[in-house]
Every structure is written in structure tokens, then in C-alpha cells.
C-alpha atoms as a PDB file:
ATOM      1  CA  MET A   1      -4.313  37.647  17.481  1.00  0.00           C
ATOM      2  CA  LYS A   2      -5.380  33.713  18.185  1.00  0.00           C
ATOM      3  CA  ASP A   3      -3.725  31.171  15.260  1.00  0.00           C
ATOM      4  CA  LYS A   4      -7.411  29.538  14.026  1.00  0.00           C
ATOM      5  CA  SER A   5      -4.735  26.612  12.720  1.00  0.00           C
ATOM      6  CA  THR A   6      -6.518  23.603  13.118  1.00  0.00           C
ATOM      7  CA  THR A   7      -4.916  20.877  14.746  1.00  0.00           C
ATOM      8  CA  VAL A   8      -4.942  16.860  15.140  1.00  0.00           C
ATOM      9  CA  GLY A   9      -6.391  17.515  19.057  1.00  0.00           C
ATOM     10  CA  ASP A  10      -9.304  19.655  17.180  1.00  0.00           C
ATOM     11  CA  VAL A  11     -10.030  16.676  14.523  1.00  0.00           C
ATOM     12  CA  LEU A  12      -9.919  14.173  17.242  1.00  0.00           C
ATOM     13  CA  ARG A  13     -12.508  15.945  19.612  1.00  0.00           C
ATOM     14  CA  ALA A  14     -14.803  16.704  16.085  1.00  0.00           C
ATOM     15  CA  PHE A  15     -15.729  12.759  16.281  1.00  0.00           C
ATOM     16  CA  ASP A  16     -17.957  11.840  19.271  1.00  0.00           C
ATOM     17  CA  ALA A  17     -17.676   8.343  21.395  1.00  0.00           C
ATOM     18  CA  ASP A  18     -20.791   6.678  19.206  1.00  0.00           C
ATOM     19  CA  GLU A  19     -19.039   7.809  15.910  1.00  0.00           C
ATOM     20  CA  LEU A  20     -15.610   5.553  16.758  1.00  0.00           C
ATOM     21  CA  GLU A  21     -16.914   1.914  15.587  1.00  0.00           C
ATOM     22  CA  LEU A  22     -15.547   1.458  12.256  1.00  0.00           C
ATOM     23  CA  PRO A  23     -16.738  -1.701  10.857  1.00  0.00           C
ATOM     24  CA  SER A  24     -13.923  -3.608   9.259  1.00  0.00           C
ATOM     25  CA  ALA A  25     -15.608  -3.320   5.693  1.00  0.00           C
ATOM     26  CA  ASN A  26     -15.358   0.430   5.827  1.00  0.00           C
ATOM     27  CA  LEU A  27     -11.723  -0.042   6.730  1.00  0.00           C
ATOM     28  CA  LEU A  28     -10.902  -1.539   3.715  1.00  0.00           C
ATOM     29  CA  VAL A  29     -12.831   1.344   1.948  1.00  0.00           C
ATOM     30  CA  LEU A  30     -10.890   3.726   3.499  1.00  0.00           C
ATOM     31  CA  ARG A  31      -7.915   2.315   2.284  1.00  0.00           C
ATOM     32  CA  LYS A  32      -8.889   1.929  -0.970  1.00  0.00           C
ATOM     33  CA  GLN A  33      -9.785   5.503  -1.153  1.00  0.00           C
ATOM     34  CA  LEU A  34      -6.764   7.047   0.485  1.00  0.00           C
ATOM     35  CA  GLY A  35      -4.883   4.582  -2.364  1.00  0.00           C
ATOM     36  CA  GLN A  36      -2.688   2.102  -0.477  1.00  0.00           C
ATOM     37  CA  THR A  37      -1.665  -1.386  -0.606  1.00  0.00           C
ATOM     38  CA  GLN A  38      -2.335  -3.451   2.609  1.00  0.00           C
ATOM     39  CA  LEU A  39       1.505  -2.898   2.841  1.00  0.00           C
ATOM     40  CA  GLN A  40       1.282   0.808   2.552  1.00  0.00           C
ATOM     41  CA  PHE A  41      -1.593   0.865   5.321  1.00  0.00           C
ATOM     42  CA  ALA A  42       0.185  -1.461   7.848  1.00  0.00           C
ATOM     43  CA  ALA A  43       2.948   1.178   7.640  1.00  0.00           C
ATOM     44  CA  THR A  44       0.038   3.998   7.797  1.00  0.00           C
ATOM     45  CA  MET A  45      -1.539   2.394  10.835  1.00  0.00           C
ATOM     46  CA  GLY A  46       1.748   1.672  12.712  1.00  0.00           C
ATOM     47  CA  VAL A  47       0.388  -2.373  12.999  1.00  0.00           C
ATOM     48  CA  SER A  48       1.743  -4.887  10.874  1.00  0.00           C
ATOM     49  CA  LEU A  49       0.193  -6.665   7.475  1.00  0.00           C
ATOM     50  CA  MET A  50      -1.145  -9.669   8.810  1.00  0.00           C
ATOM     51  CA  THR A  51      -3.349  -7.251  11.169  1.00  0.00           C
ATOM     52  CA  ILE A  52      -4.246  -5.123   8.614  1.00  0.00           C
ATOM     53  CA  SER A  53      -5.216  -8.322   6.891  1.00  0.00           C
ATOM     54  CA  ARG A  54      -7.491  -9.874   9.559  1.00  0.00           C
ATOM     55  CA  TRP A  55      -9.381  -6.432  10.141  1.00  0.00           C
ATOM     56  CA  GLU A  56     -10.155  -6.013   6.438  1.00  0.00           C
ATOM     57  CA  ARG A  57     -11.704 -10.153   7.050  1.00  0.00           C
ATOM     58  CA  GLY A  58     -13.308  -8.692   9.801  1.00  0.00           C
ATOM     59  CA  GLU A  59     -11.505 -11.783  11.997  1.00  0.00           C
ATOM     60  CA  ILE A  60     -10.558  -9.545  15.055  1.00  0.00           C
ATOM     61  CA  ALA A  61     -11.963  -6.388  16.038  1.00  0.00           C
ATOM     62  CA  VAL A  62     -10.436  -2.986  15.086  1.00  0.00           C
ATOM     63  CA  PRO A  63      -9.382  -1.817  18.345  1.00  0.00           C
ATOM     64  CA  GLY A  64     -10.376   1.983  19.605  1.00  0.00           C
ATOM     65  CA  PRO A  65      -7.073   3.304  19.383  1.00  0.00           C
ATOM     66  CA  ALA A  66      -6.854   2.322  15.583  1.00  0.00           C
ATOM     67  CA  GLN A  67     -10.513   2.970  14.449  1.00  0.00           C
ATOM     68  CA  ARG A  68      -9.653   6.931  16.042  1.00  0.00           C
ATOM     69  CA  LEU A  69      -6.524   6.976  14.002  1.00  0.00           C
ATOM     70  CA  ALA A  70      -8.399   5.509  10.689  1.00  0.00           C
ATOM     71  CA  GLN A  71     -11.142   8.552  11.959  1.00  0.00           C
ATOM     72  CA  VAL A  72      -8.588  11.078  11.427  1.00  0.00           C
ATOM     73  CA  LEU A  73      -7.557   9.497   8.528  1.00  0.00           C
ATOM     74  CA  LEU A  74     -10.635   9.659   6.688  1.00  0.00           C
ATOM     75  CA  ALA A  75     -10.960  13.408   7.637  1.00  0.00           C
ATOM     76  CA  LEU A  76      -7.965  13.976   6.300  1.00  0.00           C
ATOM     77  CA  ARG A  77      -8.291  12.362   3.317  1.00  0.00           C
ATOM     78  CA  PRO A  78      -8.117  15.399   0.718  1.00  0.00           C
ATOM     79  CA  VAL A  79      -4.883  16.789   2.731  1.00  0.00           C
ATOM     80  CA  ILE A  80      -3.635  13.428   2.510  1.00  0.00           C
ATOM     81  CA  LYS A  81      -4.211  12.667  -1.374  1.00  0.00           C
ATOM     82  CA  LEU A  82      -2.787  16.413  -2.060  1.00  0.00           C
ATOM     83  CA  LEU A  83       0.540  15.490  -0.250  1.00  0.00           C
ATOM     84  CA  ASN A  84       0.575  11.950  -1.657  1.00  0.00           C
ATOM     85  CA  LEU A  85       1.244  10.050   0.844  1.00  0.00           C
END
């Protein structure tokens, strides 16, 4: 019997390229929905606090891989809240 567990790859494939763009305002909303400070969200995203701040203010564009990670975090939000990460 094949294991039907959802993998990160499955989640990534669920988003098509047209949905990848994530405006900086949505990044701020996502961070707040996760209940994270900028410092915590920076650690989650693997970037500096300054980078998160600049993304949220729209000073610099959120690069594709970070947008993809944010999309995955959005999809996994209920799990993240459950685990209190």
C-alpha cells in the first residue's frame, strides 16, 4: 500500500507560477497571522531582520524562493500554529 502522506514537494507543486507573486503587504499579513515578530519571521525565512523590514516596507522585492517559502508557510499555517513554531 502506497503512503499517501503530503510532502513539501506536493505543497510546492500545488502553487502554479502565476500565484507565486507575493506582495510585500501580504508578507506582513502572513507574519502577523503566524504570530511572529520580525525577528522570529527572519529566522523562519532564513534572512536578516533588516531584509524582512525592507520587504515589508516594499523597499526591495521579495525574491522567488522567499515567495515560495512564504506560500508554503501560508499553506501550512494551521500546522505551524498547532505546533506553536
